Amino acid sequence: MVPLYSVQQGVVHSGYFDELPAKIGAYPNLVIPETEETPFTKRDVTGICDDPNMIQKWKDIVQPINTDNDLDGIVQGYRLFPANVACLTEPHEEVGVPADTAGKFDGMFEGEALLASDNVAGLDTGHTAFPLWKMITTDLFINKQFNIFGPFPMPPMTELICGHIAIFTKPNPEDPTKNVLDVHGTEVENAWGFVVNFLDWKKLKDKSNIYERFAGCNLEFQLSRKSGSTVGLDSEILAESPDMDQIDDANAISVETETMHGTWVNKVGRKIGWSPPWYSAAVAGVVLSSLLLGILTASTLVERQLHRNLLYKVMPRRAIAKLHRGQTVLDKFNLVTMFFSDIVGFTSMSGSMRPIQVMKMLNDLYMEFDKLVEKHQVYKVETIGDAYMVVGGAPGKSAFVLFICMSLCVQYEVSLS
């Protein structure tokens, strides 16, 4: 719409075409009688719209805009409609329409292509009965909005899109007529006319490489207009990839976008679906790997805890903590008492007993000793065979170390008895 808007501003600010609506006049001035109340009502604009000076000025405005926007060959032409009457066309030429195409637009262009100048000149879009022109002028002047129509086939283009933009004049308090323009029975103040451009939609798509981009991602797509065809003349489908018929709602997503052309729906999908063939196997592999890793991690943690528990039985916790930090274990204690116990006659006693009996006797005895150690908060250093070693005052400090150890000795004697 930028080039079309630029042409509109060129018409407004150049002043070249200000008098054209007055020269054409209000309907039914210059109307060709045999075209009244037909789908193709025309005015006789001879001497007005075929003025070489006007044609050249129109060309001077249009050509630089097309070139500056790099749209040569894509925007095929522009047409000016002062008082809503087809007047100036750039390029100014006639192009024949094949017989199989003209029938679809019967009465719209009288057997000539859309860009043909001579036979289209004089078409009064504000009074023709053709539904398309009534829709376009109603959008422009009653609803006051842009109008875009297409794509539809019109040689030499296979996919043509037309853009329309209205031109309004500034209110003039000294003009009692207020530039009133009759649009299908509705009087619109300060309306001058409109401009239309003809865009080759196929060339624009080719230039954008839209098909190659989607194919490079292994995607199929369809770009369509949600509102469908306009008065049954243009296509609902704007663009689609060759294999789009293999896509359904199960393997596609749709995104809606609001445009000047209505709501566009872009549907994108993959023939093989969004999940690749290896997806299920990959999920199973991940689950299995996670389970195996969890088992290995749990096994490692259990083994570490067992190792830590064994260390706690051999050394004080404080000493182990220092070793973990890489520190040397060296503590000084002012008052320490060591206690050693030994079972008298153990060697001869164990010789007359079965091994299981020896183990049970030692286990029962030392379990009682362990209870006394825990009760008096002393530290058991070692148990080897029938020997039992306890330290008081280290690593835990106590002011009654000697008393505790003496009490422990007495209680051992009681336990043995």
Protein backbone atom coordinates (compact mmCIF):
# COMPACT_ATOMS: atom_id res chain seq x y z
CA MET A 1 0.00 0.00 0.00
CA VAL A 2 2.99 2.36 0.32
CA PRO A 3 3.36 2.99 -3.46
CA LEU A 4 -0.41 3.48 -3.78
CA TYR A 5 -0.40 5.96 -0.91
CA SER A 6 2.54 7.78 -2.54
CA VAL A 7 0.59 8.12 -5.80
CA GLN A 8 -2.44 9.38 -3.85
CA GLN A 9 -0.31 12.08 -2.22
CA GLY A 10 1.20 12.98 -5.60
CA VAL A 11 -2.30 13.58 -6.98
CA VAL A 12 -3.34 15.65 -3.95
CA HIS A 13 -0.26 17.87 -3.72
CA SER A 14 0.70 18.27 -7.38
CA GLY A 15 -2.52 20.06 -8.30
CA TYR A 16 -2.28 18.67 -11.84
CA PHE A 17 -5.65 16.94 -11.73
CA ASP A 18 -7.71 19.24 -9.48
CA GLU A 19 -10.11 20.26 -12.28
CA LEU A 20 -10.83 16.80 -13.63
CA PRO A 21 -13.91 16.07 -11.41
CA ALA A 22 -15.47 19.40 -12.44
CA LYS A 23 -14.81 18.71 -16.13
CA ILE A 24 -16.43 15.27 -15.85
CA GLY A 25 -19.29 16.71 -13.81
CA ALA A 26 -21.93 15.14 -11.60
CA TYR A 27 -23.89 12.15 -12.79
CA PRO A 28 -25.58 11.95 -15.32
CA ASN A 29 -23.40 14.55 -17.09
CA LEU A 30 -21.65 13.06 -20.17
CA VAL A 31 -23.29 9.68 -19.57
CA ILE A 32 -23.48 7.46 -22.65
CA PRO A 33 -27.23 6.70 -22.94
CA GLU A 34 -26.94 3.07 -24.04
CA THR A 35 -24.81 2.24 -20.98
CA GLU A 36 -27.20 3.66 -18.36
CA GLU A 37 -28.48 1.19 -15.80
CA THR A 38 -26.16 -1.51 -17.10
CA PRO A 39 -23.32 -3.32 -15.34
CA PHE A 40 -20.96 -1.05 -17.25
CA THR A 41 -22.26 2.55 -17.05
CA LYS A 42 -19.87 4.92 -18.83
CA ARG A 43 -19.28 8.64 -19.37
CA ASP A 44 -17.93 10.18 -22.54
CA VAL A 45 -14.59 11.55 -21.31
CA THR A 46 -13.20 12.28 -24.77
CA GLY A 47 -11.08 15.42 -24.66
CA ILE A 48 -10.68 15.12 -20.90
CA CYS A 49 -8.95 11.84 -20.09
CA ASP A 50 -7.17 11.49 -23.43
CA ASP A 51 -5.44 14.87 -23.11
CA PRO A 52 -1.73 14.17 -23.86
CA ASN A 53 -0.70 16.74 -21.24
CA MET A 54 -2.71 14.95 -18.54
CA ILE A 55 -1.39 11.55 -19.65
CA GLN A 56 2.22 12.77 -19.40
CA LYS A 57 1.71 14.33 -15.97
CA TRP A 58 0.16 11.09 -14.71
CA LYS A 59 3.12 9.17 -16.08
CA ASP A 60 5.58 11.59 -14.41
CA ILE A 61 4.02 10.87 -11.01
CA VAL A 62 3.66 7.10 -11.31
CA GLN A 63 6.91 5.93 -12.91
CA PRO A 64 9.40 7.28 -10.29
CA ILE A 65 7.33 5.83 -7.43
CA ASN A 66 7.38 2.37 -8.96
CA THR A 67 11.12 2.53 -9.60
CA ASP A 68 11.98 3.89 -6.15
CA ASN A 69 10.08 1.07 -4.44
CA ASP A 70 11.75 -1.62 -6.59
CA LEU A 71 8.36 -2.70 -7.90
CA ASP A 72 8.95 -2.49 -11.64
CA GLY A 73 7.35 -5.58 -13.17
CA ILE A 74 5.43 -6.35 -9.95
CA VAL A 75 3.09 -3.36 -9.84
CA GLN A 76 1.90 -3.51 -13.45
CA GLY A 77 -0.02 -0.24 -13.57
CA TYR A 78 -2.05 2.52 -11.95
CA ARG A 79 -5.39 4.12 -12.83
CA LEU A 80 -6.89 7.42 -11.68
CA PHE A 81 -10.65 7.74 -11.06
CA PRO A 82 -11.63 11.44 -10.66
CA ALA A 83 -15.32 11.65 -9.65
CA ASN A 84 -15.10 7.82 -9.51
CA VAL A 85 -14.80 7.71 -13.32
CA ALA A 86 -11.97 5.75 -14.96
CA CYS A 87 -9.73 8.32 -16.56
CA LEU A 88 -5.92 8.08 -16.68
CA THR A 89 -4.00 4.78 -16.92
CA GLU A 90 -0.26 4.14 -16.79
CA PRO A 91 0.89 2.30 -18.83
CA HIS A 92 -1.55 3.56 -21.48
CA GLU A 93 -2.22 0.57 -23.69
CA GLU A 94 -4.75 -2.00 -24.92
CA VAL A 95 -4.32 -5.70 -24.18
CA GLY A 96 -6.67 -8.33 -25.53
CA VAL A 97 -8.33 -10.89 -23.26
CA PRO A 98 -8.70 -14.54 -24.27
CA ALA A 99 -12.28 -15.61 -24.83
CA ASP A 100 -12.28 -18.08 -21.91
CA THR A 101 -11.36 -15.29 -19.45
CA ALA A 102 -13.59 -12.48 -20.66
CA GLY A 103 -16.79 -14.39 -19.90
CA LYS A 104 -16.07 -14.50 -16.18
CA PHE A 105 -15.89 -10.68 -16.03
CA ASP A 106 -18.58 -10.05 -18.63
CA GLY A 107 -19.60 -6.39 -18.66
CA MET A 108 -16.70 -5.37 -16.46
CA PHE A 109 -14.11 -4.56 -19.08
CA GLU A 110 -16.02 -5.12 -22.35
CA GLY A 111 -13.69 -7.79 -23.61
CA GLU A 112 -10.48 -5.91 -22.86
CA ALA A 113 -7.83 -6.52 -20.24
CA LEU A 114 -7.85 -4.64 -16.98
CA LEU A 115 -4.92 -2.47 -18.04
CA ALA A 116 -6.46 -1.59 -21.38
CA SER A 117 -6.98 2.17 -21.45
CA ASP A 118 -9.37 3.10 -24.24
CA ASN A 119 -12.33 0.79 -23.59
CA VAL A 120 -12.19 1.15 -19.79
CA ALA A 121 -11.96 4.96 -19.88
CA GLY A 122 -15.21 6.56 -18.74
CA LEU A 123 -16.40 3.69 -16.53
CA ASP A 124 -18.50 5.30 -13.79
CA THR A 125 -17.85 3.08 -10.77
CA GLY A 126 -20.15 5.16 -8.57
CA HIS A 127 -23.21 4.30 -10.66
CA THR A 128 -22.47 1.00 -12.39
CA ALA A 129 -24.60 -1.95 -11.34
CA PHE A 130 -21.62 -4.31 -11.30
CA PRO A 131 -21.40 -5.74 -7.70
CA LEU A 132 -17.60 -5.51 -7.49
CA TRP A 133 -17.43 -1.78 -8.20
CA LYS A 134 -20.31 -1.12 -5.83
CA MET A 135 -18.43 -2.99 -3.08
CA ILE A 136 -15.18 -1.10 -3.79
CA THR A 137 -16.70 2.40 -3.81
CA THR A 138 -18.80 1.63 -0.74
CA ASP A 139 -15.65 0.58 1.16
CA LEU A 140 -13.74 3.67 0.05
CA PHE A 141 -16.32 6.41 0.59
CA ILE A 142 -19.05 5.06 2.87
CA ASN A 143 -16.93 2.88 5.17
CA LYS A 144 -13.83 5.07 4.57
CA GLN A 145 -11.34 2.21 4.44
CA PHE A 146 -8.80 0.78 2.03
CA ASN A 147 -9.99 -1.84 -0.40
CA ILE A 148 -7.90 -4.71 -1.76
CA PHE A 149 -9.39 -7.17 -4.23
CA GLY A 150 -7.91 -10.40 -5.61
CA PRO A 151 -6.17 -12.44 -6.65
CA PHE A 152 -7.97 -13.20 -9.91
CA PRO A 153 -6.78 -13.99 -13.46
CA MET A 154 -6.59 -11.10 -15.89
CA PRO A 155 -4.08 -11.34 -18.76
CA PRO A 156 -1.26 -10.72 -19.02
CA MET A 157 -1.32 -11.65 -15.30
CA THR A 158 -2.52 -14.98 -13.98
CA GLU A 159 -2.89 -13.65 -10.42
CA LEU A 160 -3.84 -9.99 -10.13
CA ILE A 161 -4.47 -8.04 -6.92
CA CYS A 162 -5.97 -4.54 -7.08
CA GLY A 163 -5.47 -1.97 -4.34
CA HIS A 164 -7.81 1.03 -4.01
CA ILE A 165 -7.38 4.18 -1.94
CA ALA A 166 -9.78 7.15 -1.79
CA ILE A 167 -8.88 10.80 -2.35
CA PHE A 168 -10.64 13.48 -0.32
CA THR A 169 -10.24 17.23 -0.70
CA LYS A 170 -9.95 19.76 2.12
CA PRO A 171 -13.29 21.41 3.04
CA ASN A 172 -13.80 24.79 1.35
CA PRO A 173 -16.26 27.04 3.28
CA GLU A 174 -16.69 29.26 0.19
CA ASP A 175 -17.79 26.33 -1.96
CA PRO A 176 -21.54 25.79 -1.41
CA THR A 177 -21.44 22.46 -3.28
CA LYS A 178 -18.94 21.02 -0.71
CA ASN A 179 -17.57 18.78 -3.51
CA VAL A 180 -20.41 16.32 -2.99
CA LEU A 181 -19.93 13.03 -4.84
CA ASP A 182 -22.83 10.65 -5.45
CA VAL A 183 -21.79 7.08 -4.56
CA HIS A 184 -24.62 4.71 -5.46
CA GLY A 185 -27.24 7.08 -4.10
CA THR A 186 -25.27 8.28 -1.06
CA GLU A 187 -23.90 11.83 -1.14
CA VAL A 188 -20.33 11.99 0.22
CA GLU A 189 -18.86 15.43 0.98
CA ASN A 190 -15.33 16.42 -0.08
CA ALA A 191 -14.86 13.21 -2.06
CA TRP A 192 -12.61 13.64 -5.11
CA GLY A 193 -12.22 10.08 -6.43
CA PHE A 194 -9.72 7.28 -5.97
CA VAL A 195 -6.56 5.60 -7.25
CA VAL A 196 -6.09 1.91 -8.06
CA ASN A 197 -2.93 -0.09 -8.70
CA PHE A 198 -2.55 -3.51 -10.31
CA LEU A 199 -0.13 -5.88 -8.60
CA ASP A 200 1.15 -9.11 -10.16
CA TRP A 201 0.74 -11.37 -7.13
CA LYS A 202 2.51 -14.31 -8.77
CA LYS A 203 5.66 -12.27 -9.45
CA LEU A 204 5.64 -10.90 -5.91
CA LYS A 205 5.47 -14.44 -4.50
CA ASP A 206 8.27 -15.58 -6.78
CA LYS A 207 10.42 -12.63 -5.71
CA SER A 208 9.85 -13.42 -2.02
CA ASN A 209 11.00 -17.07 -2.51
CA ILE A 210 8.12 -18.17 -0.28
CA TYR A 211 7.89 -21.62 -1.87
CA GLU A 212 11.62 -22.31 -1.59
CA ARG A 213 11.70 -21.14 2.05
CA PHE A 214 8.97 -23.54 3.16
CA ALA A 215 10.36 -26.40 1.05
CA GLY A 216 13.78 -25.85 2.66
CA CYS A 217 12.18 -26.52 6.06
CA ASN A 218 10.23 -29.58 4.77
CA LEU A 219 6.97 -27.74 5.37
CA GLU A 220 3.78 -27.44 3.35
CA PHE A 221 1.71 -24.24 3.60
CA GLN A 222 -1.51 -22.60 2.50
CA LEU A 223 -2.21 -18.87 2.72
CA SER A 224 -5.90 -18.08 2.41
CA ARG A 225 -8.39 -15.34 3.20
CA LYS A 226 -10.78 -16.20 6.04
CA SER A 227 -13.69 -14.27 4.53
CA GLY A 228 -13.46 -16.32 1.32
CA SER A 229 -13.98 -15.07 -2.19
CA THR A 230 -15.24 -11.52 -2.82
CA VAL A 231 -18.52 -11.48 -4.81
CA GLY A 232 -17.40 -14.79 -6.31
CA LEU A 233 -14.73 -13.31 -8.57
CA ASP A 234 -11.41 -13.68 -6.76
CA SER A 235 -9.66 -16.68 -5.25
CA GLU A 236 -9.90 -17.57 -1.57
CA ILE A 237 -6.46 -19.22 -1.76
CA LEU A 238 -3.62 -16.68 -1.95
CA ALA A 239 -0.74 -19.17 -2.10
CA GLU A 240 -0.11 -22.82 -1.32
CA SER A 241 2.62 -25.41 -1.75
CA PRO A 242 2.20 -28.27 -4.26
CA ASP A 243 1.58 -31.05 -1.69
CA MET A 244 -0.77 -29.10 0.59
CA ASP A 245 -3.55 -31.61 -0.20
CA GLN A 246 -1.66 -34.14 1.95
CA ILE A 247 -1.98 -31.92 5.05
CA ASP A 248 -4.91 -32.06 7.47
CA ASP A 249 -5.71 -30.56 10.87
CA ALA A 250 -3.88 -33.40 12.64
CA ASN A 251 -0.48 -32.50 11.21
CA ALA A 252 -0.86 -28.72 10.72
CA ILE A 253 -1.23 -25.50 12.66
CA SER A 254 -3.04 -22.32 11.59
CA VAL A 255 -2.21 -18.71 12.44
CA GLU A 256 -4.54 -15.78 11.70
CA THR A 257 -3.21 -12.33 10.77
CA GLU A 258 -5.24 -9.15 10.37
CA THR A 259 -4.38 -7.29 7.13
CA MET A 260 -5.90 -4.59 4.92
CA HIS A 261 -7.07 -7.51 2.81
CA GLY A 262 -9.07 -8.99 5.67
CA THR A 263 -8.03 -11.85 7.92
CA TRP A 264 -5.34 -14.05 6.39
CA VAL A 265 -4.97 -17.63 7.60
CA ASN A 266 -1.55 -19.26 7.25
CA LYS A 267 -1.82 -23.02 7.61
CA VAL A 268 1.52 -24.85 7.94
CA GLY A 269 2.14 -28.56 8.32
CA ARG A 270 4.42 -31.53 7.64
CA LYS A 271 3.46 -34.58 5.59
CA ILE A 272 5.06 -36.87 8.16
CA GLY A 273 3.50 -34.98 11.08
CA TRP A 274 5.23 -32.94 13.73
CA SER A 275 6.65 -36.03 15.47
CA PRO A 276 9.58 -37.64 13.57
CA PRO A 277 9.62 -41.44 13.11
CA TRP A 278 12.31 -41.89 15.73
CA TYR A 279 10.42 -39.91 18.39
CA SER A 280 8.94 -42.93 20.27
CA ALA A 281 12.26 -44.77 20.30
CA ALA A 282 14.00 -41.62 21.52
CA VAL A 283 11.50 -41.20 24.37
CA ALA A 284 11.95 -44.86 25.39
CA GLY A 285 15.74 -44.43 25.28
CA VAL A 286 15.60 -41.31 27.44
CA VAL A 287 13.33 -43.01 30.01
CA LEU A 288 15.56 -46.08 30.14
CA SER A 289 18.72 -44.00 30.43
CA SER A 290 17.17 -41.90 33.19
CA LEU A 291 16.15 -45.03 35.11
CA LEU A 292 19.63 -46.54 34.76
CA LEU A 293 21.27 -43.27 35.81
CA GLY A 294 18.95 -43.06 38.82
CA ILE A 295 19.85 -46.58 39.93
CA LEU A 296 23.57 -45.89 39.55
CA THR A 297 23.26 -42.61 41.45
CA ALA A 298 21.30 -44.26 44.28
CA SER A 299 23.84 -47.10 44.45
CA THR A 300 26.70 -44.61 44.66
CA LEU A 301 24.99 -42.63 47.42
CA VAL A 302 24.28 -45.78 49.43
CA GLU A 303 27.88 -46.94 49.04
CA ARG A 304 29.19 -43.56 50.16
CA GLN A 305 26.96 -43.61 53.21
CA LEU A 306 28.11 -47.12 54.14
CA HIS A 307 31.71 -46.02 53.77
CA ARG A 308 31.03 -42.97 55.95
CA ASN A 309 29.37 -45.09 58.63
CA LEU A 310 32.41 -47.40 58.66
CA LEU A 311 34.74 -44.43 59.10
CA TYR A 312 32.63 -43.15 61.99
CA LYS A 313 33.17 -46.51 63.73
CA VAL A 314 36.94 -46.23 63.30
CA MET A 315 37.56 -42.52 63.92
CA PRO A 316 35.82 -39.62 65.64
CA ARG A 317 33.49 -37.53 63.48
CA ARG A 318 35.58 -34.42 64.11
CA ALA A 319 38.68 -36.17 62.77
CA ILE A 320 36.85 -37.36 59.65
CA ALA A 321 35.51 -33.85 59.01
CA LYS A 322 39.05 -32.44 59.15
CA LEU A 323 40.35 -35.13 56.78
CA HIS A 324 37.60 -34.27 54.28
CA ARG A 325 38.75 -30.65 54.38
CA GLY A 326 42.36 -31.75 53.80
CA GLN A 327 43.49 -30.74 57.29
CA THR A 328 45.93 -32.58 59.53
CA VAL A 329 44.24 -34.24 62.51
CA LEU A 330 46.22 -33.06 65.52
CA ASP A 331 44.42 -32.21 68.78
CA LYS A 332 45.76 -31.58 72.27
CA PHE A 333 43.91 -32.73 75.43
CA ASN A 334 45.02 -31.79 78.93
CA LEU A 335 43.41 -34.68 80.82
CA VAL A 336 42.85 -38.08 79.22
CA THR A 337 42.24 -41.48 80.82
CA MET A 338 42.53 -44.70 78.84
CA PHE A 339 40.78 -47.93 79.82
CA PHE A 340 41.77 -51.43 78.57
CA SER A 341 39.81 -54.61 79.29
CA ASP A 342 40.72 -58.21 78.64
CA ILE A 343 38.91 -61.47 79.39
CA VAL A 344 41.09 -63.63 81.65
CA GLY A 345 41.50 -67.15 80.35
CA PHE A 346 39.87 -66.30 77.00
CA THR A 347 42.25 -68.45 74.97
CA SER A 348 41.60 -71.65 76.93
CA MET A 349 37.91 -70.82 77.24
CA SER A 350 37.44 -70.32 73.51
CA GLY A 351 39.30 -73.56 72.79
CA SER A 352 36.55 -75.56 74.50
CA MET A 353 33.72 -73.68 72.75
CA ARG A 354 32.37 -73.83 69.26
CA PRO A 355 33.04 -70.69 67.10
CA ILE A 356 29.40 -69.64 67.07
CA GLN A 357 29.33 -69.80 70.86
CA VAL A 358 32.43 -67.61 71.08
CA MET A 359 30.91 -65.03 68.72
CA LYS A 360 27.64 -64.97 70.66
CA MET A 361 29.45 -64.57 74.01
CA LEU A 362 31.57 -61.64 72.75
CA ASN A 363 28.63 -60.01 71.04
CA ASP A 364 26.45 -60.14 74.16
CA LEU A 365 29.28 -58.84 76.34
CA TYR A 366 30.33 -55.96 74.12
CA MET A 367 26.76 -54.87 73.51
CA GLU A 368 26.52 -54.28 77.27
CA PHE A 369 29.88 -52.45 77.20
CA ASP A 370 28.63 -50.26 74.31
CA LYS A 371 25.60 -49.23 76.37
CA LEU A 372 27.89 -48.14 79.22
CA VAL A 373 30.12 -46.19 76.79
CA GLU A 374 27.12 -44.33 75.42
CA LYS A 375 25.77 -43.71 78.90
CA HIS A 376 29.00 -42.11 80.17
CA GLN A 377 29.82 -40.28 76.91
CA VAL A 378 33.30 -41.76 76.52
CA TYR A 379 34.91 -42.83 73.27
CA LYS A 380 35.38 -46.48 72.28
CA VAL A 381 38.68 -46.69 70.38
CA GLU A 382 38.98 -50.31 69.34
CA THR A 383 37.65 -53.86 69.84
CA ILE A 384 40.00 -56.71 68.87
CA GLY A 385 39.07 -60.21 69.91
CA ASP A 386 38.43 -60.03 73.68
CA ALA A 387 40.27 -56.69 74.07
CA TYR A 388 38.16 -53.55 74.55
CA MET A 389 39.70 -50.03 74.61
CA VAL A 390 37.96 -46.84 75.81
CA VAL A 391 39.22 -43.24 76.13
CA GLY A 392 37.79 -40.62 78.43
CA GLY A 393 38.47 -36.90 77.93
CA ALA A 394 39.14 -37.28 74.19
CA PRO A 395 37.85 -36.41 71.81
CA GLY A 396 35.06 -35.16 74.07
CA LYS A 397 36.33 -33.22 77.11
CA SER A 398 35.02 -33.82 80.62
CA ALA A 399 36.05 -32.54 84.07
CA PHE A 400 35.27 -35.90 85.64
CA VAL A 401 37.24 -38.14 83.28
CA LEU A 402 39.00 -40.16 86.01
CA PHE A 403 35.83 -40.62 88.00
CA ILE A 404 33.94 -41.76 84.90
CA CYS A 405 36.57 -44.32 83.92
CA MET A 406 36.71 -45.71 87.48
CA SER A 407 32.93 -45.97 87.49
CA LEU A 408 33.09 -47.69 84.12
CA CYS A 409 35.55 -50.27 85.49
CA VAL A 410 33.25 -51.11 88.38
CA GLN A 411 30.26 -51.48 86.08
CA TYR A 412 32.30 -53.77 83.78
CA GLU A 413 33.03 -56.02 86.72
CA VAL A 414 29.33 -56.12 87.55
CA SER A 415 28.51 -56.95 83.90
CA LEU A 416 31.06 -59.75 83.83
CA SER A 417 29.68 -61.24 86.99
